[in-house]
Structure formats: structure tokens, C-alpha cells
Amino acid sequence: MHHSGRRDPFVVLTAAILLVCAASLTAHETKIVGSLRLTIGWGDEPAFSGLKNAIEVAVADAAGAPVTDVADPWTVEVSFGEERVALPLEPVHGRPGTFRAWLMPTRSGTYSFHFIGKARGQTVDTTSTCSDKTFSCVADVSALQFPVRDPSAGQLAERITRTLPRAQLAMDTAADARSIGIAAIAAAVLAILAVIGLAIRKGRVGH
């Protein structure tokens, strides 16, 4: 039986996703803050733009035991470029010492998490930024789309933002051209009336 060299696109896509997910299962950063050990990352790894996710931090002691006596409120400031948002961290049911803040990243790229809080009398003030050595940066959701890659809501918004100034410029140009056209017509009419008036005056003088 002859087999062609072509592969089922769905099988290839599924295999690629599984490889990415397998490589990202441990994509969290561990940071030592005093006697505390923080494990930081996305709730779902890898993270994709346009899909609901969560920032998670697991608080443990030096031996790895969960720390549950965490003073409220803990917050995380999420930054992307110049954009900032502060979110409250809530305990995750059934996972002692783990706290979460829900977020839907709308753009792919680099995100940073700045955690502020207290646990066991210690102040926590630390920042973690996504990278290939910490936790995953947000990838474009189109990598998961099949059979057609549709633009995300964020991509559509960017296209609209880029298109609106050009559309406004075209409208302004058309308005200016219309104004110039009207002025030219008015000037021509006035010129014709002036010629007619001059001809009439000359005719009266000639009689």
C-alpha cells in the first residue's frame, strides 16, 4: 500500500501542542524571600492571549511545607509594557498556601508580576518576569487555531486603531477638496457675473 509523504495537519498540530505543554509543565519560577519559598507562574501553562488564565503564587517554608498563615491582603501588580493593573490574590480551594488572581491577557508578549504581602511576619515585595528560565510569556492564541487562524480581538483592535487615522485623514482630505471645489465654483460664478455686468455697462454706454 502506497503512503504519501503528506501528514495529517490535525495530527501535526496536536503533536506540537503536546510538546509545548509538556515542556511547560514545570514553567514556574521559584524565589526565596527570607525564610519563604515562592513558586510563581501562570495557572495554565503555556499562557495564550485571549484565553482566561490566572497568576498563581505558592507560598512555602524552606522545607517545602505550605504556608497558610498569610496576612491579608496580598496583591499582585501585573505589568505589560507601560500598562499596569493591581489585582487581589485569593486562596485556591484545596491547595493550601496557593493564591491566585484571575486575568485574561489580551496581548502576546512579556508580562511581569510584582507581589506584595506578608506571611509569618515577613514582608514580601518581589517581582518575577516571564522568560525561558522563569514562567512562560504569553503566546499568540493563533498557534492553537485550526484549520484557519482568525485574528484575535486584540489584533482586530490594533488594526482598527491603525486604520482610523487613515480613514479620518481621507475624510478630512475629501472635505478640504469639497471646500476648495465649492470655493472655485463660487469664484467662477462671480467672475461670470462680473463679465456679464461689464458687458451690460458697455452696451449701455454704446447706445
Protein backbone atom coordinates (compact mmCIF):
# COMPACT_ATOMS: atom_id res chain seq x y z
CA MET A 1 0.00 0.00 0.00
CA HIS A 2 1.45 3.33 -1.03
CA HIS A 3 1.72 6.07 1.61
CA SER A 4 2.19 9.66 0.56
CA GLY A 5 4.64 11.91 2.31
CA ARG A 6 1.86 14.22 3.47
CA ARG A 7 0.89 14.30 7.13
CA ASP A 8 -2.48 14.98 8.64
CA PRO A 9 -2.37 18.69 9.66
CA PHE A 10 -4.51 18.00 12.73
CA VAL A 11 -2.11 15.29 13.93
CA VAL A 12 0.87 17.60 13.42
CA LEU A 13 -0.87 20.43 15.29
CA THR A 14 -1.86 18.16 18.16
CA ALA A 15 1.69 16.81 18.49
CA ALA A 16 3.14 20.32 18.52
CA ILE A 17 0.74 21.44 21.24
CA LEU A 18 1.50 18.39 23.36
CA LEU A 19 5.23 19.05 23.08
CA VAL A 20 4.78 22.68 24.08
CA CYS A 21 2.58 21.72 27.02
CA ALA A 22 4.99 19.01 28.16
CA ALA A 23 7.89 21.45 28.07
CA SER A 24 5.87 23.97 30.08
CA LEU A 25 4.59 21.75 32.89
CA THR A 26 7.37 22.98 35.17
CA ALA A 27 7.45 26.51 33.77
CA HIS A 28 7.32 28.29 37.13
CA GLU A 29 9.90 30.39 38.93
CA THR A 30 10.98 29.63 42.49
CA LYS A 31 12.15 32.62 44.54
CA ILE A 32 13.49 32.67 48.08
CA VAL A 33 12.27 35.61 50.16
CA GLY A 34 13.67 35.41 53.68
CA SER A 35 12.59 32.02 55.02
CA LEU A 36 9.80 31.73 52.45
CA ARG A 37 9.88 29.96 49.12
CA LEU A 38 7.59 31.36 46.44
CA THR A 39 6.66 29.40 43.33
CA ILE A 40 5.35 31.81 40.69
CA GLY A 41 3.70 31.35 37.31
CA TRP A 42 0.51 31.17 35.29
CA GLY A 43 -2.27 28.87 36.43
CA ASP A 44 -2.35 27.37 32.94
CA GLU A 45 0.97 26.95 31.14
CA PRO A 46 1.64 27.86 28.43
CA ALA A 47 -0.40 31.06 28.51
CA PHE A 48 -2.17 32.31 25.36
CA SER A 49 -3.61 35.72 24.51
CA GLY A 50 -7.38 35.97 24.63
CA LEU A 51 -7.77 32.96 26.96
CA LYS A 52 -8.73 33.24 30.63
CA ASN A 53 -5.85 32.45 32.97
CA ALA A 54 -4.61 33.28 36.45
CA ILE A 55 -1.47 34.48 38.17
CA GLU A 56 -0.54 31.98 40.86
CA VAL A 57 1.92 32.02 43.74
CA ALA A 58 2.51 29.11 46.11
CA VAL A 59 3.95 30.10 49.48
CA ALA A 60 6.01 27.50 51.34
CA ASP A 61 8.65 27.34 54.04
CA ALA A 62 12.27 26.30 53.50
CA ALA A 63 11.30 22.62 53.78
CA GLY A 64 8.58 22.99 51.14
CA ALA A 65 5.60 22.82 53.52
CA PRO A 66 2.72 25.13 52.53
CA VAL A 67 2.44 28.37 54.49
CA THR A 68 -1.19 29.16 55.22
CA ASP A 69 -0.86 31.91 57.85
CA VAL A 70 -0.66 34.65 55.25
CA ALA A 71 -1.73 38.13 56.27
CA ASP A 72 -4.36 39.76 54.08
CA PRO A 73 -4.38 41.40 51.69
CA TRP A 74 -1.81 40.10 49.25
CA THR A 75 -1.78 41.80 45.86
CA VAL A 76 -0.05 41.29 42.54
CA GLU A 77 0.66 44.13 40.12
CA VAL A 78 0.73 42.86 36.56
CA SER A 79 2.69 44.91 34.05
CA PHE A 80 2.87 44.73 30.27
CA GLY A 81 4.92 47.49 28.68
CA GLU A 82 3.63 50.75 30.19
CA GLU A 83 0.33 49.18 31.30
CA ARG A 84 -0.24 48.28 34.98
CA VAL A 85 -3.06 46.67 36.94
CA ALA A 86 -3.18 45.66 40.62
CA LEU A 87 -5.19 42.55 41.50
CA PRO A 88 -6.07 40.93 44.85
CA LEU A 89 -4.76 37.41 45.45
CA GLU A 90 -7.28 34.88 46.75
CA PRO A 91 -6.57 31.45 48.29
CA VAL A 92 -7.08 28.47 45.96
CA HIS A 93 -9.53 25.95 47.39
CA GLY A 94 -7.95 22.56 48.07
CA ARG A 95 -4.39 23.83 47.58
CA PRO A 96 -3.03 25.17 50.90
CA GLY A 97 -0.59 28.03 50.57
CA THR A 98 -1.51 28.74 46.94
CA PHE A 99 -3.04 32.06 45.92
CA ARG A 100 -4.50 33.22 42.62
CA ALA A 101 -5.62 36.32 40.73
CA TRP A 102 -7.71 35.81 37.59
CA LEU A 103 -6.63 37.56 34.41
CA MET A 104 -7.23 37.32 30.65
CA PRO A 105 -4.09 38.53 28.87
CA THR A 106 -5.22 40.27 25.69
CA ARG A 107 -1.80 40.66 24.07
CA SER A 108 1.04 38.24 23.50
CA GLY A 109 4.43 39.20 24.89
CA THR A 110 6.30 39.82 28.13
CA TYR A 111 4.47 40.08 31.47
CA SER A 112 5.83 40.86 34.94
CA PHE A 113 4.25 40.03 38.32
CA HIS A 114 5.01 42.18 41.37
CA PHE A 115 3.87 40.52 44.60
CA ILE A 116 3.30 42.47 47.82
CA GLY A 117 2.16 40.98 51.12
CA LYS A 118 3.11 39.48 54.48
CA ALA A 119 3.48 35.91 55.73
CA ARG A 120 4.78 34.72 59.10
CA GLY A 121 5.70 38.28 59.97
CA GLN A 122 7.84 38.72 56.86
CA THR A 123 7.23 41.35 54.22
CA VAL A 124 7.13 40.07 50.65
CA ASP A 125 7.94 42.56 47.90
CA THR A 126 9.29 40.77 44.85
CA THR A 127 8.94 40.82 41.07
CA SER A 128 9.08 37.99 38.56
CA THR A 129 9.19 38.44 34.78
CA CYS A 130 8.35 35.79 32.21
CA SER A 131 11.23 34.25 30.27
CA ASP A 132 12.53 30.88 29.12
CA LYS A 133 14.04 30.44 32.61
CA THR A 134 11.06 31.52 34.74
CA PHE A 135 7.47 31.11 33.55
CA SER A 136 6.06 31.28 30.04
CA CYS A 137 5.44 34.55 28.27
CA VAL A 138 2.05 34.89 26.64
CA ALA A 139 1.90 33.33 23.18
CA ASP A 140 -0.40 34.27 20.31
CA VAL A 141 -3.59 32.20 20.51
CA SER A 142 -3.48 31.66 16.74
CA ALA A 143 -0.95 28.89 17.41
CA LEU A 144 -3.89 26.81 18.70
CA GLN A 145 -6.30 27.60 15.88
CA PHE A 146 -7.19 25.09 13.20
CA PRO A 147 -7.96 24.90 10.32
CA VAL A 148 -8.00 28.69 9.89
CA ARG A 149 -6.13 31.18 12.04
CA ASP A 150 -8.53 34.01 12.82
CA PRO A 151 -7.32 37.35 14.18
CA SER A 152 -7.83 37.80 17.91
CA ALA A 153 -9.90 40.59 19.44
CA GLY A 154 -6.66 42.37 20.33
CA GLN A 155 -5.33 42.11 16.78
CA LEU A 156 -8.63 43.44 15.40
CA ALA A 157 -8.48 46.35 17.84
CA GLU A 158 -4.94 47.16 16.72
CA ARG A 159 -5.97 47.06 13.07
CA ILE A 160 -8.91 49.37 13.77
CA THR A 161 -6.62 51.72 15.71
CA ARG A 162 -4.20 51.84 12.76
CA THR A 163 -6.99 52.24 10.19
CA LEU A 164 -8.98 55.01 11.91
CA PRO A 165 -6.33 57.76 11.49
CA ARG A 166 -6.01 56.93 7.77
CA ALA A 167 -9.78 56.95 7.37
CA GLN A 168 -10.02 60.28 9.21
CA LEU A 169 -7.25 61.71 7.02
CA ALA A 170 -9.11 60.59 3.89
CA MET A 171 -12.31 62.19 5.17
CA ASP A 172 -10.51 65.41 6.02
CA THR A 173 -8.85 65.42 2.59
CA ALA A 174 -12.22 64.88 0.91
CA ALA A 175 -13.76 67.66 2.99
CA ASP A 176 -10.92 70.01 2.07
CA ALA A 177 -11.27 69.10 -1.60
CA ARG A 178 -15.02 69.69 -1.43
CA SER A 179 -14.46 73.08 0.21
CA ILE A 180 -11.90 74.02 -2.44
CA GLY A 181 -14.28 72.88 -5.18
CA ILE A 182 -17.14 74.95 -3.79
CA ALA A 183 -14.87 77.99 -3.46
CA ALA A 184 -13.68 77.53 -7.05
CA ILE A 185 -17.27 77.28 -8.32
CA ALA A 186 -18.24 80.40 -6.35
CA ALA A 187 -15.25 82.28 -7.76
CA ALA A 188 -16.14 81.20 -11.29
CA VAL A 189 -19.76 82.33 -10.84
CA LEU A 190 -18.60 85.69 -9.52
CA ALA A 191 -16.22 86.05 -12.45
CA ILE A 192 -19.00 85.26 -14.94
CA LEU A 193 -21.33 87.73 -13.24
CA ALA A 194 -18.60 90.36 -13.35
CA VAL A 195 -18.09 89.77 -17.09
CA ILE A 196 -21.84 89.94 -17.73
CA GLY A 197 -22.08 93.13 -15.68
CA LEU A 198 -19.22 94.68 -17.58
CA ALA A 199 -20.80 93.75 -20.91
CA ILE A 200 -24.10 95.25 -19.85
CA ARG A 201 -22.44 98.51 -18.80
CA LYS A 202 -20.55 98.73 -22.10
CA GLY A 203 -23.75 98.12 -24.01
CA ARG A 204 -25.47 100.98 -22.21
CA VAL A 205 -22.54 103.28 -22.89
CA GLY A 206 -22.59 102.40 -26.59
CA HIS A 207 -26.24 103.46 -27.00
